[in-house]
PDB file of N, CA and C in Angstrom:
ATOM      1  N   UNK A   1     -20.110  -3.928 -12.416  1.00  0.00           N
ATOM      2  CA  UNK A   1     -19.251  -2.811 -12.769  1.00  0.00           C
ATOM      3  C   UNK A   1     -18.506  -3.191 -14.055  1.00  0.00           C
ATOM      4  N   UNK A   2     -18.500  -2.251 -15.005  1.00  0.00           N
ATOM      5  CA  UNK A   2     -17.886  -2.514 -16.287  1.00  0.00           C
ATOM      6  C   UNK A   2     -16.338  -2.226 -16.152  1.00  0.00           C
ATOM      7  N   UNK A   3     -15.586  -3.281 -16.128  1.00  0.00           N
ATOM      8  CA  UNK A   3     -14.184  -3.170 -15.936  1.00  0.00           C
ATOM      9  C   UNK A   3     -13.481  -2.454 -17.124  1.00  0.00           C
ATOM     10  N   UNK A   4     -13.968  -2.669 -18.333  1.00  0.00           N
ATOM     11  CA  UNK A   4     -13.385  -1.978 -19.440  1.00  0.00           C
ATOM     12  C   UNK A   4     -13.575  -0.471 -19.365  1.00  0.00           C
ATOM     13  N   UNK A   5     -14.693  -0.015 -18.802  1.00  0.00           N
ATOM     14  CA  UNK A   5     -14.925   1.423 -18.583  1.00  0.00           C
ATOM     15  C   UNK A   5     -13.900   1.945 -17.526  1.00  0.00           C
ATOM     16  N   UNK A   6     -13.663   1.160 -16.474  1.00  0.00           N
ATOM     17  CA  UNK A   6     -12.653   1.531 -15.479  1.00  0.00           C
ATOM     18  C   UNK A   6     -11.275   1.629 -16.083  1.00  0.00           C
ATOM     19  N   UNK A   7     -10.943   0.638 -16.934  1.00  0.00           N
ATOM     20  CA  UNK A   7      -9.616   0.663 -17.637  1.00  0.00           C
ATOM     21  C   UNK A   7      -9.548   1.942 -18.475  1.00  0.00           C
ATOM     22  N   UNK A   8     -10.565   2.273 -19.206  1.00  0.00           N
ATOM     23  CA  UNK A   8     -10.581   3.445 -20.094  1.00  0.00           C
ATOM     24  C   UNK A   8     -10.350   4.704 -19.232  1.00  0.00           C
ATOM     25  N   UNK A   9     -11.070   4.865 -18.127  1.00  0.00           N
ATOM     26  CA  UNK A   9     -10.976   6.019 -17.269  1.00  0.00           C
ATOM     27  C   UNK A   9      -9.621   6.072 -16.635  1.00  0.00           C
ATOM     28  N   UNK A  10      -9.095   4.954 -16.129  1.00  0.00           N
ATOM     29  CA  UNK A  10      -7.780   4.940 -15.526  1.00  0.00           C
ATOM     30  C   UNK A  10      -6.663   5.312 -16.576  1.00  0.00           C
ATOM     31  N   UNK A  11      -6.843   4.829 -17.760  1.00  0.00           N
ATOM     32  CA  UNK A  11      -5.879   5.176 -18.791  1.00  0.00           C
ATOM     33  C   UNK A  11      -5.905   6.659 -19.140  1.00  0.00           C
ATOM     34  N   UNK A  12      -7.098   7.279 -19.082  1.00  0.00           N
ATOM     35  CA  UNK A  12      -7.163   8.754 -19.311  1.00  0.00           C
ATOM     36  C   UNK A  12      -6.390   9.463 -18.250  1.00  0.00           C
ATOM     37  N   UNK A  13      -6.511   9.053 -16.986  1.00  0.00           N
ATOM     38  CA  UNK A  13      -5.754   9.620 -15.914  1.00  0.00           C
ATOM     39  C   UNK A  13      -4.261   9.424 -16.117  1.00  0.00           C
ATOM     40  N   UNK A  14      -3.875   8.193 -16.535  1.00  0.00           N
ATOM     41  CA  UNK A  14      -2.469   7.908 -16.846  1.00  0.00           C
ATOM     42  C   UNK A  14      -1.969   8.763 -17.969  1.00  0.00           C
ATOM     43  N   UNK A  15      -2.750   9.023 -18.997  1.00  0.00           N
ATOM     44  CA  UNK A  15      -2.280   9.858 -20.116  1.00  0.00           C
ATOM     45  C   UNK A  15      -2.044  11.319 -19.653  1.00  0.00           C
ATOM     46  N   UNK A  16      -2.864  11.776 -18.723  1.00  0.00           N
ATOM     47  CA  UNK A  16      -2.625  13.136 -18.219  1.00  0.00           C
ATOM     48  C   UNK A  16      -1.316  13.222 -17.487  1.00  0.00           C
ATOM     49  N   UNK A  17      -1.005  12.283 -16.559  1.00  0.00           N
ATOM     50  CA  UNK A  17       0.156  12.326 -15.773  1.00  0.00           C
ATOM     51  C   UNK A  17       1.409  11.826 -16.527  1.00  0.00           C
ATOM     52  N   UNK A  18       1.235  11.215 -17.677  1.00  0.00           N
ATOM     53  CA  UNK A  18       2.341  10.772 -18.474  1.00  0.00           C
ATOM     54  C   UNK A  18       3.254  11.976 -18.914  1.00  0.00           C
ATOM     55  N   UNK A  19       2.724  13.153 -18.966  1.00  0.00           N
ATOM     56  CA  UNK A  19       3.467  14.308 -19.383  1.00  0.00           C
ATOM     57  C   UNK A  19       4.430  14.780 -18.265  1.00  0.00           C
ATOM     58  N   UNK A  20       4.326  14.277 -17.096  1.00  0.00           N
ATOM     59  CA  UNK A  20       5.214  14.687 -16.017  1.00  0.00           C
ATOM     60  C   UNK A  20       6.664  14.275 -16.366  1.00  0.00           C
ATOM     61  N   UNK A  21       7.618  15.123 -16.190  1.00  0.00           N
ATOM     62  CA  UNK A  21       8.989  14.781 -16.509  1.00  0.00           C
ATOM     63  C   UNK A  21       9.612  13.695 -15.630  1.00  0.00           C
ATOM     64  N   UNK A  22       9.143  13.627 -14.361  1.00  0.00           N
ATOM     65  CA  UNK A  22       9.621  12.609 -13.447  1.00  0.00           C
ATOM     66  C   UNK A  22       8.639  11.432 -13.410  1.00  0.00           C
ATOM     67  N   UNK A  23       9.146  10.288 -13.950  1.00  0.00           N
ATOM     68  CA  UNK A  23       8.299   9.107 -14.090  1.00  0.00           C
ATOM     69  C   UNK A  23       7.748   8.644 -12.701  1.00  0.00           C
ATOM     70  N   UNK A  24       8.634   8.622 -11.706  1.00  0.00           N
ATOM     71  CA  UNK A  24       8.223   8.131 -10.392  1.00  0.00           C
ATOM     72  C   UNK A  24       7.085   9.017  -9.794  1.00  0.00           C
ATOM     73  N   UNK A  25       7.267  10.349 -10.014  1.00  0.00           N
ATOM     74  CA  UNK A  25       6.227  11.269  -9.564  1.00  0.00           C
ATOM     75  C   UNK A  25       4.889  11.013 -10.270  1.00  0.00           C
ATOM     76  N   UNK A  26       4.992  10.737 -11.569  1.00  0.00           N
ATOM     77  CA  UNK A  26       3.754  10.464 -12.325  1.00  0.00           C
ATOM     78  C   UNK A  26       3.056   9.241 -11.800  1.00  0.00           C
ATOM     79  N   UNK A  27       3.821   8.197 -11.476  1.00  0.00           N
ATOM     80  CA  UNK A  27       3.205   6.948 -10.903  1.00  0.00           C
ATOM     81  C   UNK A  27       2.524   7.303  -9.574  1.00  0.00           C
ATOM     82  N   UNK A  28       3.218   8.066  -8.743  1.00  0.00           N
ATOM     83  CA  UNK A  28       2.650   8.385  -7.432  1.00  0.00           C
ATOM     84  C   UNK A  28       1.363   9.261  -7.575  1.00  0.00           C
ATOM     85  N   UNK A  29       1.374  10.130  -8.585  1.00  0.00           N
ATOM     86  CA  UNK A  29       0.177  10.964  -8.816  1.00  0.00           C
ATOM     87  C   UNK A  29      -0.978  10.235  -9.317  1.00  0.00           C
ATOM     88  N   UNK A  30      -0.758   9.279 -10.201  1.00  0.00           N
ATOM     89  CA  UNK A  30      -1.854   8.392 -10.677  1.00  0.00           C
ATOM     90  C   UNK A  30      -2.456   7.690  -9.484  1.00  0.00           C
ATOM     91  N   UNK A  31      -1.625   7.070  -8.657  1.00  0.00           N
ATOM     92  CA  UNK A  31      -2.090   6.336  -7.492  1.00  0.00           C
ATOM     93  C   UNK A  31      -2.812   7.253  -6.542  1.00  0.00           C
ATOM     94  N   UNK A  32      -2.290   8.475  -6.332  1.00  0.00           N
ATOM     95  CA  UNK A  32      -2.971   9.390  -5.410  1.00  0.00           C
ATOM     96  C   UNK A  32      -4.319   9.812  -5.989  1.00  0.00           C
ATOM     97  N   UNK A  33      -4.384  10.023  -7.266  1.00  0.00           N
ATOM     98  CA  UNK A  33      -5.644  10.470  -7.881  1.00  0.00           C
ATOM     99  C   UNK A  33      -6.702   9.329  -7.718  1.00  0.00           C
ATOM    100  N   UNK A  34      -6.294   8.104  -7.992  1.00  0.00           N
ATOM    101  CA  UNK A  34      -7.232   6.970  -7.865  1.00  0.00           C
ATOM    102  C   UNK A  34      -7.686   6.821  -6.421  1.00  0.00           C
ATOM    103  N   UNK A  35      -6.809   7.009  -5.468  1.00  0.00           N
ATOM    104  CA  UNK A  35      -7.224   6.955  -4.010  1.00  0.00           C
ATOM    105  C   UNK A  35      -8.154   8.090  -3.651  1.00  0.00           C
ATOM    106  N   UNK A  36      -7.836   9.267  -4.144  1.00  0.00           N
ATOM    107  CA  UNK A  36      -8.619  10.467  -3.777  1.00  0.00           C
ATOM    108  C   UNK A  36      -9.991  10.510  -4.357  1.00  0.00           C
ATOM    109  N   UNK A  37     -10.107  10.083  -5.612  1.00  0.00           N
ATOM    110  CA  UNK A  37     -11.378  10.369  -6.308  1.00  0.00           C
ATOM    111  C   UNK A  37     -12.177   9.125  -6.726  1.00  0.00           C
ATOM    112  N   UNK A  38     -11.614   7.934  -6.578  1.00  0.00           N
ATOM    113  CA  UNK A  38     -12.353   6.755  -6.961  1.00  0.00           C
ATOM    114  C   UNK A  38     -12.904   6.064  -5.689  1.00  0.00           C
ATOM    115  N   UNK A  39     -14.108   5.480  -5.793  1.00  0.00           N
ATOM    116  CA  UNK A  39     -14.642   4.702  -4.739  1.00  0.00           C
ATOM    117  C   UNK A  39     -13.768   3.444  -4.529  1.00  0.00           C
ATOM    118  N   UNK A  40     -13.731   2.958  -3.258  1.00  0.00           N
ATOM    119  CA  UNK A  40     -12.899   1.743  -2.997  1.00  0.00           C
ATOM    120  C   UNK A  40     -13.343   0.609  -3.905  1.00  0.00           C
ATOM    121  N   UNK A  41     -14.593   0.398  -4.162  1.00  0.00           N
ATOM    122  CA  UNK A  41     -15.012  -0.739  -5.023  1.00  0.00           C
ATOM    123  C   UNK A  41     -14.529  -0.574  -6.463  1.00  0.00           C
ATOM    124  N   UNK A  42     -14.398   0.665  -6.941  1.00  0.00           N
ATOM    125  CA  UNK A  42     -13.855   0.890  -8.295  1.00  0.00           C
ATOM    126  C   UNK A  42     -12.346   0.495  -8.295  1.00  0.00           C
ATOM    127  N   UNK A  43     -11.635   0.980  -7.265  1.00  0.00           N
ATOM    128  CA  UNK A  43     -10.227   0.612  -7.173  1.00  0.00           C
ATOM    129  C   UNK A  43     -10.013  -0.866  -7.109  1.00  0.00           C
ATOM    130  N   UNK A  44     -10.832  -1.525  -6.223  1.00  0.00           N
ATOM    131  CA  UNK A  44     -10.732  -2.942  -6.045  1.00  0.00           C
ATOM    132  C   UNK A  44     -10.985  -3.688  -7.361  1.00  0.00           C
ATOM    133  N   UNK A  45     -12.009  -3.297  -8.115  1.00  0.00           N
ATOM    134  CA  UNK A  45     -12.340  -3.950  -9.367  1.00  0.00           C
ATOM    135  C   UNK A  45     -11.197  -3.791 -10.366  1.00  0.00           C
ATOM    136  N   UNK A  46     -10.555  -2.667 -10.415  1.00  0.00           N
ATOM    137  CA  UNK A  46      -9.433  -2.444 -11.322  1.00  0.00           C
ATOM    138  C   UNK A  46      -8.231  -3.262 -10.899  1.00  0.00           C
ATOM    139  N   UNK A  47      -7.941  -3.305  -9.620  1.00  0.00           N
ATOM    140  CA  UNK A  47      -6.800  -4.129  -9.143  1.00  0.00           C
ATOM    141  C   UNK A  47      -7.065  -5.600  -9.379  1.00  0.00           C
ATOM    142  N   UNK A  48      -8.311  -6.031  -9.142  1.00  0.00           N
ATOM    143  CA  UNK A  48      -8.652  -7.459  -9.407  1.00  0.00           C
ATOM    144  C   UNK A  48      -8.473  -7.797 -10.893  1.00  0.00           C
ATOM    145  N   UNK A  49      -8.914  -6.871 -11.767  1.00  0.00           N
ATOM    146  CA  UNK A  49      -8.745  -7.074 -13.204  1.00  0.00           C
ATOM    147  C   UNK A  49      -7.287  -7.233 -13.504  1.00  0.00           C
ATOM    148  N   UNK A  50      -6.401  -6.366 -12.946  1.00  0.00           N
ATOM    149  CA  UNK A  50      -4.989  -6.450 -13.235  1.00  0.00           C
ATOM    150  C   UNK A  50      -4.391  -7.777 -12.721  1.00  0.00           C
ATOM    151  N   UNK A  51      -4.804  -8.153 -11.521  1.00  0.00           N
ATOM    152  CA  UNK A  51      -4.259  -9.378 -10.926  1.00  0.00           C
ATOM    153  C   UNK A  51      -4.788 -10.602 -11.668  1.00  0.00           C
ATOM    154  N   UNK A  52      -5.983 -10.557 -12.185  1.00  0.00           N
ATOM    155  CA  UNK A  52      -6.529 -11.688 -12.899  1.00  0.00           C
ATOM    156  C   UNK A  52      -6.138 -11.759 -14.348  1.00  0.00           C
ATOM    157  N   UNK A  53      -6.156 -10.649 -15.049  1.00  0.00           N
ATOM    158  CA  UNK A  53      -5.953 -10.617 -16.473  1.00  0.00           C
ATOM    159  C   UNK A  53      -4.634  -9.986 -16.882  1.00  0.00           C
ATOM    160  N   UNK A  54      -3.727  -9.799 -15.927  1.00  0.00           N
ATOM    161  CA  UNK A  54      -2.529  -9.105 -16.292  1.00  0.00           C
ATOM    162  C   UNK A  54      -2.792  -7.647 -16.491  1.00  0.00           C
ATOM    163  N   UNK A  55      -1.992  -7.021 -17.373  1.00  0.00           N
ATOM    164  CA  UNK A  55      -2.162  -5.603 -17.632  1.00  0.00           C
ATOM    165  C   UNK A  55      -3.027  -5.418 -18.844  1.00  0.00           C
ATOM    166  N   UNK A  56      -3.980  -6.276 -19.083  1.00  0.00           N
ATOM    167  CA  UNK A  56      -4.837  -6.224 -20.245  1.00  0.00           C
ATOM    168  C   UNK A  56      -5.473  -4.888 -20.408  1.00  0.00           C
ATOM    169  N   UNK A  57      -5.038  -4.131 -21.374  1.00  0.00           N
ATOM    170  CA  UNK A  57      -5.614  -2.828 -21.685  1.00  0.00           C
ATOM    171  C   UNK A  57      -5.109  -1.630 -20.857  1.00  0.00           C
ATOM    172  N   UNK A  58      -4.345  -1.920 -19.839  1.00  0.00           N
ATOM    173  CA  UNK A  58      -3.891  -0.826 -18.958  1.00  0.00           C
ATOM    174  C   UNK A  58      -2.560  -0.248 -19.492  1.00  0.00           C
ATOM    175  N   UNK A  59      -2.438   1.049 -19.415  1.00  0.00           N
ATOM    176  CA  UNK A  59      -1.171   1.667 -19.771  1.00  0.00           C
ATOM    177  C   UNK A  59      -0.184   1.274 -18.723  1.00  0.00           C
ATOM    178  N   UNK A  60       1.107   1.172 -19.086  1.00  0.00           N
ATOM    179  CA  UNK A  60       2.125   0.782 -18.115  1.00  0.00           C
ATOM    180  C   UNK A  60       2.176   1.725 -16.886  1.00  0.00           C
ATOM    181  N   UNK A  61       1.952   3.015 -17.078  1.00  0.00           N
ATOM    182  CA  UNK A  61       1.969   3.920 -15.938  1.00  0.00           C
ATOM    183  C   UNK A  61       0.876   3.627 -14.965  1.00  0.00           C
ATOM    184  N   UNK A  62      -0.272   3.256 -15.458  1.00  0.00           N
ATOM    185  CA  UNK A  62      -1.439   2.877 -14.608  1.00  0.00           C
ATOM    186  C   UNK A  62      -1.138   1.570 -13.902  1.00  0.00           C
ATOM    187  N   UNK A  63      -0.590   0.656 -14.576  1.00  0.00           N
ATOM    188  CA  UNK A  63      -0.259  -0.640 -13.915  1.00  0.00           C
ATOM    189  C   UNK A  63       0.738  -0.396 -12.798  1.00  0.00           C
ATOM    190  N   UNK A  64       1.736   0.423 -13.027  1.00  0.00           N
ATOM    191  CA  UNK A  64       2.730   0.750 -12.012  1.00  0.00           C
ATOM    192  C   UNK A  64       2.059   1.390 -10.791  1.00  0.00           C
ATOM    193  N   UNK A  65       1.112   2.292 -11.059  1.00  0.00           N
ATOM    194  CA  UNK A  65       0.381   2.962  -9.997  1.00  0.00           C
ATOM    195  C   UNK A  65      -0.427   1.957  -9.184  1.00  0.00           C
ATOM    196  N   UNK A  66      -1.054   1.048  -9.828  1.00  0.00           N
ATOM    197  CA  UNK A  66      -1.861   0.054  -9.150  1.00  0.00           C
ATOM    198  C   UNK A  66      -0.964  -0.860  -8.295  1.00  0.00           C
ATOM    199  N   UNK A  67       0.179  -1.232  -8.793  1.00  0.00           N
ATOM    200  CA  UNK A  67       1.148  -2.049  -8.066  1.00  0.00           C
ATOM    201  C   UNK A  67       1.607  -1.258  -6.807  1.00  0.00           C
ATOM    202  N   UNK A  68       1.874   0.057  -6.984  1.00  0.00           N
ATOM    203  CA  UNK A  68       2.308   0.878  -5.868  1.00  0.00           C
ATOM    204  C   UNK A  68       1.196   0.945  -4.808  1.00  0.00           C
ATOM    205  N   UNK A  69      -0.066   1.100  -5.243  1.00  0.00           N
ATOM    206  CA  UNK A  69      -1.144   1.132  -4.314  1.00  0.00           C
ATOM    207  C   UNK A  69      -1.257  -0.189  -3.536  1.00  0.00           C
ATOM    208  N   UNK A  70      -1.077  -1.308  -4.189  1.00  0.00           N
ATOM    209  CA  UNK A  70      -1.154  -2.603  -3.516  1.00  0.00           C
ATOM    210  C   UNK A  70      -0.022  -2.699  -2.506  1.00  0.00           C
ATOM    211  N   UNK A  71       1.198  -2.262  -2.873  1.00  0.00           N
ATOM    212  CA  UNK A  71       2.336  -2.357  -1.973  1.00  0.00           C
ATOM    213  C   UNK A  71       2.099  -1.488  -0.775  1.00  0.00           C
ATOM    214  N   UNK A  72       1.561  -0.268  -0.939  1.00  0.00           N
ATOM    215  CA  UNK A  72       1.355   0.640   0.181  1.00  0.00           C
ATOM    216  C   UNK A  72       0.286   0.140   1.094  1.00  0.00           C
ATOM    217  N   UNK A  73      -0.737  -0.571   0.552  1.00  0.00           N
ATOM    218  CA  UNK A  73      -1.822  -1.068   1.364  1.00  0.00           C
ATOM    219  C   UNK A  73      -1.394  -2.273   2.214  1.00  0.00           C
ATOM    220  N   UNK A  74      -0.325  -3.045   1.728  1.00  0.00           N
ATOM    221  CA  UNK A  74       0.033  -4.243   2.451  1.00  0.00           C
ATOM    222  C   UNK A  74       1.288  -3.997   3.307  1.00  0.00           C
ATOM    223  N   UNK A  75       1.872  -2.811   3.227  1.00  0.00           N
ATOM    224  CA  UNK A  75       3.045  -2.472   4.006  1.00  0.00           C
ATOM    225  C   UNK A  75       2.627  -1.861   5.356  1.00  0.00           C
ATOM    226  N   UNK A  76       3.039  -2.451   6.441  1.00  0.00           N
ATOM    227  CA  UNK A  76       2.659  -1.870   7.762  1.00  0.00           C
ATOM    228  C   UNK A  76       3.344  -0.521   7.979  1.00  0.00           C
ATOM    229  N   UNK A  77       2.633   0.348   8.646  1.00  0.00           N
ATOM    230  CA  UNK A  77       3.199   1.720   8.929  1.00  0.00           C
ATOM    231  C   UNK A  77       3.625   1.871  10.373  1.00  0.00           C
TER     232      UNK A  77
END
């Protein structure tokens, strides 16, 4: 899987939601979009890239969304 392509696609999603006036809502919407429309292996590859290489190439909004997704997945309900 080409991680740079995943970064580019995730950043496009982030650019769309960047226009939201509420930053926290934008972060939640990026995370929700990735959960809804991306395969688990795509999400995993992007999170692994972030954890391994830092935020290399990722928009801050996308990085925040990925951190939110990680937090939600490790938090018991």
